[in-house]
Amino acid sequence: MKTQQGITLFIVIIILVVVTSLAAAVITETRLGQNAIGLTQERLANEQELLGGVDQIINDAALINNIMAMTEDQGANMVAVGFNTTANIQLRGEAYCKRTANASSINLINCRYARIDFTQANDQRRVQGGSMTSGIEQPFLVAQNK
């Protein structure tokens, strides 16, 4: 009878060790999962902040003046302070505006093409940085003296 009690105690101890190991693994995975969820939420928050900054800069009335004042050698910078977003604007040349095949203003209106590199940074989050590149077509009328 005493031999059976010793074997039972040994088996129970082995089962407790296995169950404890499984519990520790589950707790660790849960913490990693929660951490990953938190990082994903911060990345999405950065992305939304970047899109808000892009929207603010694109709709800023000063953007048109900045594009028209730029030269090939000199770019411009704009900032959306509320969204921690900066924009570096580079002129990519002038050409006729792109129109559909049915449009009647083909080769009549000039456009300036600019490339805007948006960068977002928020020092309060664990996930840093976000960037986006966009192209702008700015129509303008030129005085043609003949």
N, C-alpha and C. Protein backbone atom coordinates (compact mmCIF):
# COMPACT_ATOMS: atom_id res chain seq x y z
N MET A 1 0.82 -1.19 0.00
CA MET A 1 0.00 0.00 0.00
C MET A 1 0.87 1.26 0.00
N LYS A 2 1.95 1.27 0.79
CA LYS A 2 2.82 2.44 0.86
C LYS A 2 3.53 2.67 -0.46
N THR A 3 3.83 1.61 -1.21
CA THR A 3 4.48 1.75 -2.50
C THR A 3 3.54 2.46 -3.47
N GLN A 4 2.28 2.11 -3.43
CA GLN A 4 1.31 2.75 -4.32
C GLN A 4 1.15 4.23 -3.98
N GLN A 5 1.18 4.59 -2.71
CA GLN A 5 1.06 6.00 -2.32
C GLN A 5 2.27 6.80 -2.81
N GLY A 6 3.45 6.23 -2.78
CA GLY A 6 4.66 6.91 -3.25
C GLY A 6 4.61 7.13 -4.75
N ILE A 7 4.14 6.13 -5.49
CA ILE A 7 4.02 6.25 -6.94
C ILE A 7 2.97 7.30 -7.30
N THR A 8 1.87 7.32 -6.57
CA THR A 8 0.82 8.30 -6.81
C THR A 8 1.34 9.71 -6.57
N LEU A 9 2.09 9.90 -5.49
CA LEU A 9 2.67 11.20 -5.19
C LEU A 9 3.64 11.63 -6.29
N PHE A 10 4.45 10.72 -6.78
CA PHE A 10 5.40 11.00 -7.85
C PHE A 10 4.67 11.42 -9.13
N ILE A 11 3.61 10.71 -9.49
CA ILE A 11 2.83 11.03 -10.69
C ILE A 11 2.14 12.39 -10.55
N VAL A 12 1.62 12.69 -9.37
CA VAL A 12 0.96 13.98 -9.12
C VAL A 12 1.98 15.12 -9.25
N ILE A 13 3.19 14.92 -8.73
CA ILE A 13 4.22 15.96 -8.84
C ILE A 13 4.58 16.20 -10.31
N ILE A 14 4.72 15.14 -11.09
CA ILE A 14 5.03 15.28 -12.52
C ILE A 14 3.91 16.03 -13.22
N ILE A 15 2.67 15.69 -12.92
CA ILE A 15 1.52 16.37 -13.53
C ILE A 15 1.52 17.86 -13.15
N LEU A 16 1.82 18.18 -11.89
CA LEU A 16 1.86 19.58 -11.45
C LEU A 16 2.96 20.36 -12.17
N VAL A 17 4.12 19.73 -12.38
CA VAL A 17 5.21 20.40 -13.10
C VAL A 17 4.79 20.69 -14.54
N VAL A 18 4.16 19.72 -15.19
CA VAL A 18 3.72 19.91 -16.58
C VAL A 18 2.65 21.00 -16.66
N VAL A 19 1.68 20.97 -15.77
CA VAL A 19 0.61 21.97 -15.78
C VAL A 19 1.18 23.36 -15.49
N THR A 20 2.12 23.46 -14.56
CA THR A 20 2.75 24.75 -14.25
C THR A 20 3.51 25.29 -15.46
N SER A 21 4.22 24.42 -16.16
CA SER A 21 4.94 24.83 -17.37
C SER A 21 3.98 25.33 -18.44
N LEU A 22 2.88 24.62 -18.63
CA LEU A 22 1.88 25.06 -19.61
C LEU A 22 1.27 26.40 -19.22
N ALA A 23 0.99 26.59 -17.94
CA ALA A 23 0.41 27.85 -17.48
C ALA A 23 1.39 29.00 -17.70
N ALA A 24 2.67 28.76 -17.42
CA ALA A 24 3.68 29.81 -17.65
C ALA A 24 3.78 30.15 -19.13
N ALA A 25 3.72 29.14 -19.99
CA ALA A 25 3.78 29.39 -21.44
C ALA A 25 2.58 30.19 -21.91
N VAL A 26 1.40 29.86 -21.41
CA VAL A 26 0.18 30.59 -21.80
C VAL A 26 0.26 32.04 -21.34
N ILE A 27 0.73 32.27 -20.12
CA ILE A 27 0.83 33.64 -19.60
C ILE A 27 1.83 34.44 -20.43
N THR A 28 2.96 33.83 -20.78
CA THR A 28 3.96 34.53 -21.59
C THR A 28 3.39 34.88 -22.96
N GLU A 29 2.73 33.93 -23.60
CA GLU A 29 2.14 34.18 -24.92
C GLU A 29 1.08 35.27 -24.84
N THR A 30 0.31 35.28 -23.77
CA THR A 30 -0.73 36.29 -23.61
C THR A 30 -0.11 37.68 -23.49
N ARG A 31 0.98 37.78 -22.73
CA ARG A 31 1.66 39.07 -22.60
C ARG A 31 2.23 39.52 -23.94
N LEU A 32 2.83 38.58 -24.67
CA LEU A 32 3.35 38.92 -25.99
C LEU A 32 2.23 39.34 -26.93
N GLY A 33 1.10 38.64 -26.83
CA GLY A 33 -0.05 38.99 -27.67
C GLY A 33 -0.58 40.38 -27.35
N GLN A 34 -0.67 40.69 -26.05
CA GLN A 34 -1.14 42.02 -25.67
C GLN A 34 -0.15 43.09 -26.11
N ASN A 35 1.14 42.79 -26.01
CA ASN A 35 2.15 43.74 -26.46
C ASN A 35 2.04 43.95 -27.96
N ALA A 36 1.86 42.87 -28.71
CA ALA A 36 1.72 42.98 -30.17
C ALA A 36 0.47 43.78 -30.53
N ILE A 37 -0.61 43.55 -29.81
CA ILE A 37 -1.84 44.31 -30.06
C ILE A 37 -1.61 45.80 -29.79
N GLY A 38 -0.89 46.10 -28.70
CA GLY A 38 -0.59 47.49 -28.38
C GLY A 38 0.26 48.15 -29.44
N LEU A 39 1.26 47.42 -29.95
CA LEU A 39 2.12 47.97 -31.00
C LEU A 39 1.33 48.19 -32.29
N THR A 40 0.43 47.27 -32.59
CA THR A 40 -0.40 47.42 -33.79
C THR A 40 -1.30 48.65 -33.66
N GLN A 41 -1.86 48.85 -32.48
CA GLN A 41 -2.71 50.02 -32.27
C GLN A 41 -1.91 51.31 -32.42
N GLU A 42 -0.68 51.32 -31.91
CA GLU A 42 0.15 52.52 -32.05
C GLU A 42 0.53 52.76 -33.51
N ARG A 43 0.81 51.69 -34.24
CA ARG A 43 1.14 51.83 -35.66
C ARG A 43 -0.06 52.40 -36.42
N LEU A 44 -1.25 51.91 -36.11
CA LEU A 44 -2.46 52.44 -36.76
C LEU A 44 -2.71 53.90 -36.37
N ALA A 45 -2.42 54.24 -35.11
CA ALA A 45 -2.57 55.63 -34.68
C ALA A 45 -1.59 56.53 -35.44
N ASN A 46 -0.35 56.06 -35.62
CA ASN A 46 0.63 56.82 -36.41
C ASN A 46 0.15 57.00 -37.84
N GLU A 47 -0.40 55.94 -38.40
CA GLU A 47 -0.89 56.00 -39.78
C GLU A 47 -2.03 57.00 -39.92
N GLN A 48 -2.95 57.00 -38.97
CA GLN A 48 -4.07 57.94 -39.01
C GLN A 48 -3.57 59.38 -38.82
N GLU A 49 -2.57 59.55 -37.95
CA GLU A 49 -2.00 60.88 -37.74
C GLU A 49 -1.31 61.37 -39.01
N LEU A 50 -0.62 60.46 -39.69
CA LEU A 50 0.04 60.81 -40.96
C LEU A 50 -0.98 61.22 -42.01
N LEU A 51 -2.07 60.46 -42.13
CA LEU A 51 -3.10 60.80 -43.10
C LEU A 51 -3.76 62.13 -42.78
N GLY A 52 -3.95 62.42 -41.49
CA GLY A 52 -4.48 63.73 -41.10
C GLY A 52 -3.55 64.86 -41.48
N GLY A 53 -2.24 64.63 -41.28
CA GLY A 53 -1.25 65.64 -41.66
C GLY A 53 -1.21 65.85 -43.16
N VAL A 54 -1.30 64.75 -43.92
CA VAL A 54 -1.32 64.85 -45.39
C VAL A 54 -2.53 65.67 -45.82
N ASP A 55 -3.68 65.38 -45.25
CA ASP A 55 -4.90 66.10 -45.60
C ASP A 55 -4.77 67.59 -45.29
N GLN A 56 -4.21 67.91 -44.12
CA GLN A 56 -4.06 69.31 -43.74
C GLN A 56 -3.10 70.04 -44.67
N ILE A 57 -1.99 69.40 -45.04
CA ILE A 57 -1.01 70.05 -45.91
C ILE A 57 -1.55 70.21 -47.33
N ILE A 58 -2.21 69.18 -47.85
CA ILE A 58 -2.75 69.25 -49.22
C ILE A 58 -3.83 70.33 -49.32
N ASN A 59 -4.62 70.50 -48.27
CA ASN A 59 -5.70 71.50 -48.30
C ASN A 59 -5.25 72.88 -47.83
N ASP A 60 -3.99 73.04 -47.47
CA ASP A 60 -3.47 74.33 -47.02
C ASP A 60 -3.39 75.28 -48.23
N ALA A 61 -3.90 76.49 -48.05
CA ALA A 61 -3.89 77.47 -49.15
C ALA A 61 -2.48 77.87 -49.54
N ALA A 62 -1.52 77.74 -48.62
CA ALA A 62 -0.14 78.13 -48.92
C ALA A 62 0.55 77.14 -49.85
N LEU A 63 0.00 75.94 -50.02
CA LEU A 63 0.63 74.93 -50.87
C LEU A 63 0.74 75.43 -52.31
N ILE A 64 -0.31 76.05 -52.82
CA ILE A 64 -0.30 76.55 -54.20
C ILE A 64 0.80 77.58 -54.38
N ASN A 65 0.90 78.51 -53.42
CA ASN A 65 1.94 79.54 -53.51
C ASN A 65 3.33 78.93 -53.43
N ASN A 66 3.48 77.91 -52.57
CA ASN A 66 4.79 77.25 -52.45
C ASN A 66 5.18 76.57 -53.76
N ILE A 67 4.23 75.88 -54.38
CA ILE A 67 4.54 75.19 -55.64
C ILE A 67 4.86 76.19 -56.74
N MET A 68 4.11 77.28 -56.81
CA MET A 68 4.34 78.27 -57.86
C MET A 68 5.66 79.02 -57.66
N ALA A 69 6.11 79.15 -56.41
CA ALA A 69 7.35 79.88 -56.13
C ALA A 69 8.59 79.00 -56.24
N MET A 70 8.42 77.70 -56.36
CA MET A 70 9.56 76.79 -56.38
C MET A 70 10.29 76.83 -57.72
N THR A 71 11.56 76.50 -57.65
CA THR A 71 12.36 76.29 -58.85
C THR A 71 12.85 74.84 -58.82
N GLU A 72 13.47 74.40 -59.90
CA GLU A 72 13.96 73.01 -59.96
C GLU A 72 14.98 72.74 -58.86
N ASP A 73 15.75 73.77 -58.49
CA ASP A 73 16.83 73.59 -57.52
C ASP A 73 16.38 73.79 -56.08
N GLN A 74 15.30 74.50 -55.89
CA GLN A 74 14.88 74.85 -54.54
C GLN A 74 13.50 74.28 -54.25
N GLY A 75 13.42 73.43 -53.24
CA GLY A 75 12.15 72.85 -52.83
C GLY A 75 11.51 73.70 -51.75
N ALA A 76 10.51 73.15 -51.12
CA ALA A 76 9.81 73.83 -50.04
C ALA A 76 9.46 72.81 -48.96
N ASN A 77 9.30 73.30 -47.75
CA ASN A 77 8.90 72.45 -46.64
C ASN A 77 7.63 73.02 -46.02
N MET A 78 6.74 72.13 -45.60
CA MET A 78 5.53 72.53 -44.90
C MET A 78 5.36 71.62 -43.70
N VAL A 79 4.64 72.10 -42.69
CA VAL A 79 4.46 71.34 -41.45
C VAL A 79 2.99 71.36 -41.06
N ALA A 80 2.50 70.19 -40.63
CA ALA A 80 1.19 70.09 -40.00
C ALA A 80 1.45 69.81 -38.52
N VAL A 81 1.51 70.87 -37.72
CA VAL A 81 1.94 70.76 -36.33
C VAL A 81 1.04 69.85 -35.52
N GLY A 82 -0.25 69.97 -35.68
CA GLY A 82 -1.18 69.17 -34.90
C GLY A 82 -1.08 67.68 -35.17
N PHE A 83 -0.50 67.32 -36.30
CA PHE A 83 -0.39 65.91 -36.68
C PHE A 83 1.06 65.42 -36.70
N ASN A 84 2.00 66.25 -36.22
CA ASN A 84 3.43 65.87 -36.19
C ASN A 84 3.92 65.42 -37.56
N THR A 85 3.48 66.08 -38.60
CA THR A 85 3.80 65.67 -39.97
C THR A 85 4.54 66.80 -40.68
N THR A 86 5.61 66.45 -41.37
CA THR A 86 6.34 67.42 -42.19
C THR A 86 6.28 66.97 -43.64
N ALA A 87 6.35 67.93 -44.54
CA ALA A 87 6.30 67.64 -45.97
C ALA A 87 7.47 68.31 -46.66
N ASN A 88 8.20 67.54 -47.45
CA ASN A 88 9.29 68.07 -48.27
C ASN A 88 8.80 68.03 -49.72
N ILE A 89 8.72 69.20 -50.34
CA ILE A 89 8.16 69.31 -51.69
C ILE A 89 9.28 69.59 -52.68
N GLN A 90 9.34 68.81 -53.74
CA GLN A 90 10.34 69.00 -54.80
C GLN A 90 9.62 69.14 -56.14
N LEU A 91 10.01 70.13 -56.90
CA LEU A 91 9.43 70.35 -58.23
C LEU A 91 9.97 69.31 -59.20
N ARG A 92 9.10 68.70 -59.98
CA ARG A 92 9.49 67.66 -60.93
C ARG A 92 9.34 68.11 -62.38
N GLY A 93 9.14 69.38 -62.60
CA GLY A 93 9.08 69.87 -63.97
C GLY A 93 7.73 70.44 -64.34
N GLU A 94 7.68 70.98 -65.55
CA GLU A 94 6.45 71.54 -66.09
C GLU A 94 6.12 70.86 -67.41
N ALA A 95 4.85 70.69 -67.65
CA ALA A 95 4.38 70.10 -68.90
C ALA A 95 2.92 70.48 -69.06
N TYR A 96 2.34 70.03 -70.16
CA TYR A 96 0.91 70.25 -70.33
C TYR A 96 0.14 69.33 -69.39
N CYS A 97 -0.97 69.84 -68.89
CA CYS A 97 -1.77 69.05 -67.95
C CYS A 97 -2.32 67.81 -68.64
N LYS A 98 -2.39 66.74 -67.89
CA LYS A 98 -2.96 65.50 -68.42
C LYS A 98 -4.48 65.65 -68.46
N ARG A 99 -5.04 65.32 -69.57
CA ARG A 99 -6.49 65.38 -69.74
C ARG A 99 -6.95 64.11 -70.41
N THR A 100 -8.24 63.90 -70.42
CA THR A 100 -8.78 62.72 -71.10
C THR A 100 -8.72 62.94 -72.60
N ALA A 101 -8.91 61.89 -73.34
CA ALA A 101 -8.85 61.98 -74.80
C ALA A 101 -9.97 62.86 -75.36
N ASN A 102 -11.08 62.98 -74.64
CA ASN A 102 -12.22 63.76 -75.13
C ASN A 102 -12.15 65.24 -74.74
N ALA A 103 -11.15 65.62 -73.95
CA ALA A 103 -11.09 67.01 -73.48
C ALA A 103 -10.68 67.94 -74.61
N SER A 104 -11.19 69.16 -74.54
CA SER A 104 -10.87 70.13 -75.59
C SER A 104 -9.71 71.04 -75.21
N SER A 105 -9.17 70.90 -74.01
CA SER A 105 -8.10 71.79 -73.57
C SER A 105 -6.73 71.12 -73.63
N ILE A 106 -6.58 70.13 -74.51
CA ILE A 106 -5.30 69.43 -74.62
C ILE A 106 -4.23 70.40 -75.07
N ASN A 107 -3.12 70.38 -74.39
CA ASN A 107 -1.95 71.22 -74.67
C ASN A 107 -2.24 72.71 -74.56
N LEU A 108 -3.22 73.08 -73.78
CA LEU A 108 -3.53 74.49 -73.58
C LEU A 108 -3.15 74.98 -72.19
N ILE A 109 -3.26 74.12 -71.20
CA ILE A 109 -3.02 74.52 -69.82
C ILE A 109 -1.74 73.84 -69.33
N ASN A 110 -0.82 74.65 -68.83
CA ASN A 110 0.42 74.11 -68.28
C ASN A 110 0.21 73.65 -66.85
N CYS A 111 0.98 72.67 -66.45
CA CYS A 111 0.95 72.17 -65.07
C CYS A 111 2.36 72.07 -64.53
N ARG A 112 2.48 72.29 -63.26
CA ARG A 112 3.72 72.00 -62.55
C ARG A 112 3.49 70.71 -61.79
N TYR A 113 4.47 69.83 -61.87
CA TYR A 113 4.38 68.56 -61.17
C TYR A 113 5.33 68.59 -60.00
N ALA A 114 4.82 68.28 -58.83
CA ALA A 114 5.63 68.29 -57.62
C ALA A 114 5.52 66.94 -56.92
N ARG A 115 6.60 66.57 -56.28
CA ARG A 115 6.62 65.35 -55.46
C ARG A 115 6.67 65.79 -54.01
N ILE A 116 5.79 65.23 -53.20
CA ILE A 116 5.75 65.58 -51.79
C ILE A 116 6.05 64.32 -50.97
N ASP A 117 7.08 64.40 -50.15
CA ASP A 117 7.43 63.32 -49.23
C ASP A 117 6.96 63.72 -47.84
N PHE A 118 5.99 62.99 -47.32
CA PHE A 118 5.45 63.26 -45.99
C PHE A 118 6.15 62.36 -44.98
N THR A 119 6.49 62.92 -43.83
CA THR A 119 7.10 62.14 -42.75
C THR A 119 6.40 62.49 -41.45
N GLN A 120 6.08 61.48 -40.68
CA GLN A 120 5.39 61.67 -39.41
C GLN A 120 6.22 61.05 -38.30
N ALA A 121 6.37 61.76 -37.19
CA ALA A 121 7.09 61.23 -36.03
C ALA A 121 6.40 61.69 -34.77
N ASN A 122 6.20 60.78 -33.84
CA ASN A 122 5.60 61.09 -32.55
C ASN A 122 6.47 60.44 -31.48
N ASP A 123 7.15 61.25 -30.68
CA ASP A 123 8.09 60.73 -29.69
C ASP A 123 7.41 60.05 -28.52
N GLN A 124 6.12 60.17 -28.38
CA GLN A 124 5.42 59.59 -27.24
C GLN A 124 4.98 58.15 -27.48
N ARG A 125 5.19 57.63 -28.68
CA ARG A 125 4.76 56.26 -28.99
C ARG A 125 5.96 55.34 -29.14
N ARG A 126 5.74 54.06 -28.90
CA ARG A 126 6.81 53.07 -29.04
C ARG A 126 7.10 52.78 -30.50
N VAL A 127 6.09 52.82 -31.35
CA VAL A 127 6.28 52.59 -32.78
C VAL A 127 6.52 53.95 -33.41
N GLN A 128 7.66 54.11 -34.05
CA GLN A 128 8.02 55.41 -34.58
C GLN A 128 7.95 55.46 -36.09
N GLY A 129 7.68 56.65 -36.56
CA GLY A 129 7.81 56.94 -37.97
C GLY A 129 6.70 56.44 -38.85
N GLY A 130 6.55 57.13 -39.89
CA GLY A 130 5.62 56.77 -40.94
C GLY A 130 5.94 57.72 -42.08
N SER A 131 5.86 57.24 -43.29
CA SER A 131 6.15 58.12 -44.42
C SER A 131 5.25 57.77 -45.59
N MET A 132 5.11 58.73 -46.48
CA MET A 132 4.22 58.57 -47.62
C MET A 132 4.68 59.53 -48.70
N THR A 133 4.56 59.14 -49.94
CA THR A 133 4.94 60.00 -51.06
C THR A 133 3.72 60.21 -51.95
N SER A 134 3.55 61.44 -52.40
CA SER A 134 2.41 61.77 -53.24
C SER A 134 2.86 62.69 -54.37
N GLY A 135 2.11 62.69 -55.43
CA GLY A 135 2.38 63.59 -56.54
C GLY A 135 1.27 64.61 -56.66
N ILE A 136 1.65 65.82 -57.03
CA ILE A 136 0.69 66.92 -57.17
C ILE A 136 0.79 67.46 -58.59
N GLU A 137 -0.35 67.70 -59.20
CA GLU A 137 -0.41 68.36 -60.51
C GLU A 137 -1.07 69.70 -60.28
N GLN A 138 -0.32 70.79 -60.47
CA GLN A 138 -0.84 72.13 -60.22
C GLN A 138 -0.99 72.89 -61.53
N PRO A 139 -2.25 73.07 -62.03
CA PRO A 139 -2.44 73.82 -63.27
C PRO A 139 -2.17 75.31 -63.05
N PHE A 140 -1.64 75.95 -64.06
CA PHE A 140 -1.46 77.40 -64.01
C PHE A 140 -1.50 77.95 -65.43
N LEU A 141 -1.92 79.18 -65.53
CA LEU A 141 -1.98 79.84 -66.83
C LEU A 141 -0.72 80.68 -67.00
N VAL A 142 -0.12 80.56 -68.15
CA VAL A 142 1.10 81.33 -68.43
C VAL A 142 0.77 82.41 -69.44
N ALA A 143 1.45 83.53 -69.31
CA ALA A 143 1.27 84.61 -70.28
C ALA A 143 2.15 84.32 -71.47
N GLN A 144 1.55 84.14 -72.62
CA GLN A 144 2.31 83.85 -73.83
C GLN A 144 2.28 85.07 -74.72
N ASN A 145 3.40 85.75 -74.79
CA ASN A 145 3.49 86.95 -75.64
C ASN A 145 3.90 86.53 -77.04
N LYS A 146 3.11 86.93 -78.04
CA LYS A 146 3.43 86.57 -79.42
C LYS A 146 3.64 87.80 -80.24
